[in-house]
Amino acid sequence: MIVYNITTKVRWEILEAWLEWQLEEQIPAILATGMFDKHQLYRLLEQDEEEGPTFVIQFFTSSLDSYQQFVIEFAPALQQAGWEKWGDRFISFRTLMELVH
């Protein structure tokens, strides 16, 4: 299992709207690419939330090829949509993991 992990710190002033956008637009758009089988959305606990909470969205696929196709064909436009909508009021970083056991 391959896990595409997106960790995002969101400023308090956009929290409600950002979360709604993730649930109603961004996550469905990523799943609609057909490159991932399912997702999970988490809020990190025991983090410094002075500037805002941190969320982790994980997308799961059984194929590294699907992930690589996503990164090439779909990710740039989806990431750009986030920047256009929210500017610098969030920060994200991405990691790729493989389930070992």
N, C-alpha and C. Protein backbone atom coordinates (compact mmCIF):
# COMPACT_ATOMS: atom_id res chain seq x y z
N MET A 1 0.84 -1.18 0.00
CA MET A 1 0.00 0.00 0.00
C MET A 1 0.89 1.24 0.00
N ILE A 2 0.59 2.16 -0.88
CA ILE A 2 1.28 3.44 -0.99
C ILE A 2 0.38 4.51 -0.38
N VAL A 3 0.97 5.37 0.45
CA VAL A 3 0.20 6.44 1.10
C VAL A 3 0.82 7.79 0.74
N TYR A 4 0.02 8.61 0.10
CA TYR A 4 0.39 9.98 -0.21
C TYR A 4 -0.14 10.84 0.93
N ASN A 5 0.76 11.46 1.66
CA ASN A 5 0.45 12.14 2.91
C ASN A 5 0.65 13.65 2.72
N ILE A 6 -0.42 14.42 2.97
CA ILE A 6 -0.34 15.88 2.87
C ILE A 6 -0.60 16.45 4.26
N THR A 7 0.38 17.14 4.81
CA THR A 7 0.26 17.76 6.12
C THR A 7 0.13 19.27 5.91
N THR A 8 -0.91 19.86 6.52
CA THR A 8 -1.21 21.27 6.28
C THR A 8 -1.53 21.99 7.58
N LYS A 9 -0.84 23.10 7.80
CA LYS A 9 -1.16 24.01 8.90
C LYS A 9 -2.00 25.13 8.32
N VAL A 10 -3.17 25.36 8.93
CA VAL A 10 -4.16 26.31 8.41
C VAL A 10 -4.34 27.43 9.42
N ARG A 11 -4.31 28.65 8.95
CA ARG A 11 -4.55 29.79 9.85
C ARG A 11 -6.00 29.78 10.34
N TRP A 12 -6.16 30.22 11.56
CA TRP A 12 -7.48 30.21 12.19
C TRP A 12 -8.54 30.93 11.36
N GLU A 13 -8.17 32.04 10.72
CA GLU A 13 -9.18 32.86 10.04
C GLU A 13 -9.81 32.17 8.83
N ILE A 14 -9.18 31.13 8.30
CA ILE A 14 -9.77 30.42 7.15
C ILE A 14 -10.18 29.00 7.49
N LEU A 15 -10.04 28.61 8.73
CA LEU A 15 -10.23 27.20 9.12
C LEU A 15 -11.55 26.62 8.62
N GLU A 16 -12.67 27.22 8.97
CA GLU A 16 -13.98 26.64 8.61
C GLU A 16 -14.13 26.54 7.09
N ALA A 17 -13.81 27.62 6.38
CA ALA A 17 -13.96 27.62 4.92
C ALA A 17 -12.98 26.65 4.26
N TRP A 18 -11.74 26.59 4.77
CA TRP A 18 -10.74 25.67 4.20
C TRP A 18 -11.18 24.23 4.37
N LEU A 19 -11.68 23.89 5.56
CA LEU A 19 -12.11 22.52 5.82
C LEU A 19 -13.30 22.15 4.93
N GLU A 20 -14.23 23.06 4.79
CA GLU A 20 -15.37 22.82 3.91
C GLU A 20 -14.90 22.61 2.46
N TRP A 21 -13.94 23.44 2.02
CA TRP A 21 -13.40 23.31 0.68
C TRP A 21 -12.71 21.97 0.49
N GLN A 22 -11.95 21.55 1.48
CA GLN A 22 -11.29 20.24 1.40
C GLN A 22 -12.33 19.13 1.22
N LEU A 23 -13.34 19.14 2.08
CA LEU A 23 -14.33 18.06 2.10
C LEU A 23 -15.24 18.06 0.87
N GLU A 24 -15.56 19.25 0.37
CA GLU A 24 -16.54 19.34 -0.72
C GLU A 24 -15.92 19.46 -2.11
N GLU A 25 -14.67 19.97 -2.17
CA GLU A 25 -14.08 20.21 -3.49
C GLU A 25 -12.73 19.50 -3.70
N GLN A 26 -11.76 19.81 -2.85
CA GLN A 26 -10.39 19.36 -3.11
C GLN A 26 -10.24 17.84 -2.98
N ILE A 27 -10.68 17.27 -1.88
CA ILE A 27 -10.56 15.81 -1.71
C ILE A 27 -11.35 15.08 -2.80
N PRO A 28 -12.62 15.46 -3.07
CA PRO A 28 -13.33 14.79 -4.17
C PRO A 28 -12.62 14.93 -5.52
N ALA A 29 -11.99 16.08 -5.77
CA ALA A 29 -11.26 16.26 -7.04
C ALA A 29 -10.07 15.32 -7.12
N ILE A 30 -9.37 15.14 -6.01
CA ILE A 30 -8.22 14.22 -6.01
C ILE A 30 -8.70 12.79 -6.21
N LEU A 31 -9.76 12.40 -5.54
CA LEU A 31 -10.28 11.04 -5.71
C LEU A 31 -10.83 10.83 -7.12
N ALA A 32 -11.39 11.87 -7.72
CA ALA A 32 -11.95 11.77 -9.07
C ALA A 32 -10.89 11.50 -10.13
N THR A 33 -9.62 11.72 -9.82
CA THR A 33 -8.56 11.40 -10.78
C THR A 33 -8.46 9.90 -11.02
N GLY A 34 -8.99 9.11 -10.08
CA GLY A 34 -8.92 7.66 -10.21
C GLY A 34 -7.59 7.06 -9.79
N MET A 35 -6.70 7.88 -9.28
CA MET A 35 -5.37 7.41 -8.91
C MET A 35 -5.30 6.87 -7.48
N PHE A 36 -6.33 7.13 -6.67
CA PHE A 36 -6.34 6.69 -5.28
C PHE A 36 -7.62 5.94 -4.98
N ASP A 37 -7.52 4.99 -4.05
CA ASP A 37 -8.66 4.13 -3.70
C ASP A 37 -9.51 4.71 -2.57
N LYS A 38 -8.86 5.39 -1.63
CA LYS A 38 -9.58 5.95 -0.48
C LYS A 38 -8.72 7.02 0.16
N HIS A 39 -9.29 7.68 1.18
CA HIS A 39 -8.56 8.73 1.90
C HIS A 39 -8.96 8.72 3.37
N GLN A 40 -8.16 9.40 4.17
CA GLN A 40 -8.46 9.66 5.58
C GLN A 40 -8.05 11.09 5.88
N LEU A 41 -8.82 11.77 6.71
CA LEU A 41 -8.51 13.13 7.13
C LEU A 41 -8.34 13.13 8.65
N TYR A 42 -7.23 13.68 9.13
CA TYR A 42 -6.92 13.72 10.55
C TYR A 42 -6.59 15.14 10.97
N ARG A 43 -6.84 15.44 12.23
CA ARG A 43 -6.33 16.67 12.85
C ARG A 43 -5.26 16.24 13.84
N LEU A 44 -4.08 16.81 13.72
CA LEU A 44 -2.99 16.48 14.63
C LEU A 44 -3.29 17.06 16.01
N LEU A 45 -3.04 16.27 17.02
CA LEU A 45 -3.21 16.69 18.40
C LEU A 45 -1.85 16.98 19.01
N GLU A 46 -1.85 17.65 20.12
CA GLU A 46 -0.63 17.97 20.85
C GLU A 46 0.37 18.74 19.98
N GLN A 47 -0.17 19.68 19.19
CA GLN A 47 0.64 20.55 18.34
C GLN A 47 0.45 21.98 18.80
N ASP A 48 1.42 22.81 18.50
CA ASP A 48 1.29 24.24 18.75
C ASP A 48 0.25 24.79 17.78
N GLU A 49 -0.87 25.26 18.31
CA GLU A 49 -1.95 25.76 17.47
C GLU A 49 -2.10 27.28 17.56
N GLU A 50 -1.07 27.95 17.99
CA GLU A 50 -1.16 29.40 18.10
C GLU A 50 -1.55 30.04 16.77
N GLU A 51 -0.94 29.59 15.69
CA GLU A 51 -1.23 30.14 14.37
C GLU A 51 -2.36 29.39 13.66
N GLY A 52 -2.73 28.23 14.17
CA GLY A 52 -3.80 27.45 13.56
C GLY A 52 -3.55 25.96 13.71
N PRO A 53 -4.58 25.16 13.46
CA PRO A 53 -4.46 23.72 13.59
C PRO A 53 -3.74 23.09 12.40
N THR A 54 -3.30 21.85 12.60
CA THR A 54 -2.61 21.10 11.56
C THR A 54 -3.44 19.86 11.20
N PHE A 55 -3.59 19.63 9.92
CA PHE A 55 -4.35 18.49 9.42
C PHE A 55 -3.45 17.60 8.57
N VAL A 56 -3.80 16.32 8.53
CA VAL A 56 -3.12 15.36 7.66
C VAL A 56 -4.20 14.68 6.82
N ILE A 57 -4.00 14.71 5.52
CA ILE A 57 -4.88 13.99 4.62
C ILE A 57 -4.04 12.91 3.96
N GLN A 58 -4.51 11.68 4.06
CA GLN A 58 -3.79 10.56 3.46
C GLN A 58 -4.64 9.96 2.35
N PHE A 59 -3.98 9.75 1.21
CA PHE A 59 -4.62 9.11 0.06
C PHE A 59 -3.91 7.78 -0.17
N PHE A 60 -4.69 6.73 -0.37
CA PHE A 60 -4.15 5.38 -0.45
C PHE A 60 -4.31 4.80 -1.85
N THR A 61 -3.25 4.13 -2.31
CA THR A 61 -3.28 3.43 -3.59
C THR A 61 -2.39 2.19 -3.48
N SER A 62 -2.70 1.21 -4.26
CA SER A 62 -1.88 0.00 -4.26
C SER A 62 -0.76 0.09 -5.29
N SER A 63 -0.73 1.18 -6.05
CA SER A 63 0.20 1.27 -7.17
C SER A 63 1.07 2.52 -7.09
N LEU A 64 2.38 2.34 -7.05
CA LEU A 64 3.30 3.46 -7.11
C LEU A 64 3.15 4.18 -8.46
N ASP A 65 2.84 3.45 -9.51
CA ASP A 65 2.63 4.06 -10.82
C ASP A 65 1.45 5.04 -10.80
N SER A 66 0.39 4.69 -10.09
CA SER A 66 -0.76 5.60 -9.97
C SER A 66 -0.36 6.88 -9.28
N TYR A 67 0.40 6.76 -8.20
CA TYR A 67 0.88 7.96 -7.50
C TYR A 67 1.71 8.83 -8.44
N GLN A 68 2.65 8.21 -9.15
CA GLN A 68 3.52 8.97 -10.04
C GLN A 68 2.74 9.64 -11.16
N GLN A 69 1.73 8.96 -11.67
CA GLN A 69 0.88 9.56 -12.70
C GLN A 69 0.12 10.75 -12.12
N PHE A 70 -0.37 10.61 -10.89
CA PHE A 70 -1.06 11.72 -10.22
C PHE A 70 -0.15 12.94 -10.11
N VAL A 71 1.08 12.72 -9.66
CA VAL A 71 2.02 13.83 -9.46
C VAL A 71 2.31 14.56 -10.78
N ILE A 72 2.41 13.81 -11.85
CA ILE A 72 2.73 14.42 -13.15
C ILE A 72 1.50 15.09 -13.79
N GLU A 73 0.37 14.40 -13.79
CA GLU A 73 -0.78 14.86 -14.56
C GLU A 73 -1.76 15.75 -13.79
N PHE A 74 -1.88 15.56 -12.48
CA PHE A 74 -2.95 16.22 -11.74
C PHE A 74 -2.50 17.15 -10.61
N ALA A 75 -1.44 16.79 -9.91
CA ALA A 75 -1.04 17.53 -8.72
C ALA A 75 -0.76 19.01 -8.97
N PRO A 76 -0.05 19.38 -10.02
CA PRO A 76 0.25 20.81 -10.20
C PRO A 76 -1.00 21.70 -10.24
N ALA A 77 -2.01 21.30 -10.98
CA ALA A 77 -3.24 22.11 -11.08
C ALA A 77 -3.99 22.13 -9.76
N LEU A 78 -4.03 21.01 -9.06
CA LEU A 78 -4.73 20.96 -7.77
C LEU A 78 -4.01 21.81 -6.72
N GLN A 79 -2.70 21.77 -6.72
CA GLN A 79 -1.94 22.60 -5.78
C GLN A 79 -2.11 24.08 -6.12
N GLN A 80 -2.12 24.40 -7.38
CA GLN A 80 -2.32 25.79 -7.81
C GLN A 80 -3.68 26.30 -7.38
N ALA A 81 -4.69 25.46 -7.44
CA ALA A 81 -6.03 25.86 -7.01
C ALA A 81 -6.03 26.28 -5.55
N GLY A 82 -5.28 25.55 -4.72
CA GLY A 82 -5.16 25.91 -3.31
C GLY A 82 -4.49 27.26 -3.12
N TRP A 83 -3.42 27.49 -3.85
CA TRP A 83 -2.70 28.77 -3.74
C TRP A 83 -3.57 29.92 -4.21
N GLU A 84 -4.31 29.71 -5.29
CA GLU A 84 -5.17 30.78 -5.79
C GLU A 84 -6.30 31.12 -4.82
N LYS A 85 -6.82 30.12 -4.15
CA LYS A 85 -7.94 30.34 -3.23
C LYS A 85 -7.49 30.88 -1.88
N TRP A 86 -6.37 30.38 -1.33
CA TRP A 86 -6.00 30.68 0.05
C TRP A 86 -4.70 31.44 0.20
N GLY A 87 -3.94 31.60 -0.86
CA GLY A 87 -2.69 32.34 -0.76
C GLY A 87 -1.74 31.76 0.27
N ASP A 88 -1.17 32.62 1.10
CA ASP A 88 -0.20 32.15 2.10
C ASP A 88 -0.82 31.91 3.48
N ARG A 89 -2.13 31.69 3.51
CA ARG A 89 -2.81 31.46 4.79
C ARG A 89 -2.80 29.99 5.21
N PHE A 90 -2.03 29.20 4.52
CA PHE A 90 -1.80 27.80 4.89
C PHE A 90 -0.41 27.42 4.40
N ILE A 91 0.11 26.35 4.96
CA ILE A 91 1.38 25.81 4.48
C ILE A 91 1.26 24.28 4.49
N SER A 92 1.72 23.67 3.42
CA SER A 92 1.61 22.21 3.29
C SER A 92 2.96 21.61 2.94
N PHE A 93 3.14 20.38 3.37
CA PHE A 93 4.24 19.59 2.85
C PHE A 93 3.73 18.18 2.61
N ARG A 94 4.37 17.51 1.68
CA ARG A 94 3.91 16.20 1.23
C ARG A 94 4.99 15.16 1.46
N THR A 95 4.54 13.97 1.83
CA THR A 95 5.44 12.84 1.98
C THR A 95 4.79 11.62 1.33
N LEU A 96 5.61 10.67 0.98
CA LEU A 96 5.15 9.42 0.40
C LEU A 96 5.60 8.30 1.30
N MET A 97 4.68 7.41 1.61
CA MET A 97 5.00 6.29 2.50
C MET A 97 4.55 4.98 1.87
N GLU A 98 5.20 3.91 2.33
CA GLU A 98 4.81 2.58 1.92
C GLU A 98 4.49 1.76 3.17
N LEU A 99 3.34 1.12 3.17
CA LEU A 99 2.96 0.26 4.29
C LEU A 99 3.90 -0.94 4.32
N VAL A 100 4.53 -1.16 5.46
CA VAL A 100 5.47 -2.27 5.61
C VAL A 100 4.79 -3.48 6.23
N HIS A 101 3.97 -3.24 7.24
CA HIS A 101 3.33 -4.36 7.94
C HIS A 101 1.97 -3.95 8.46
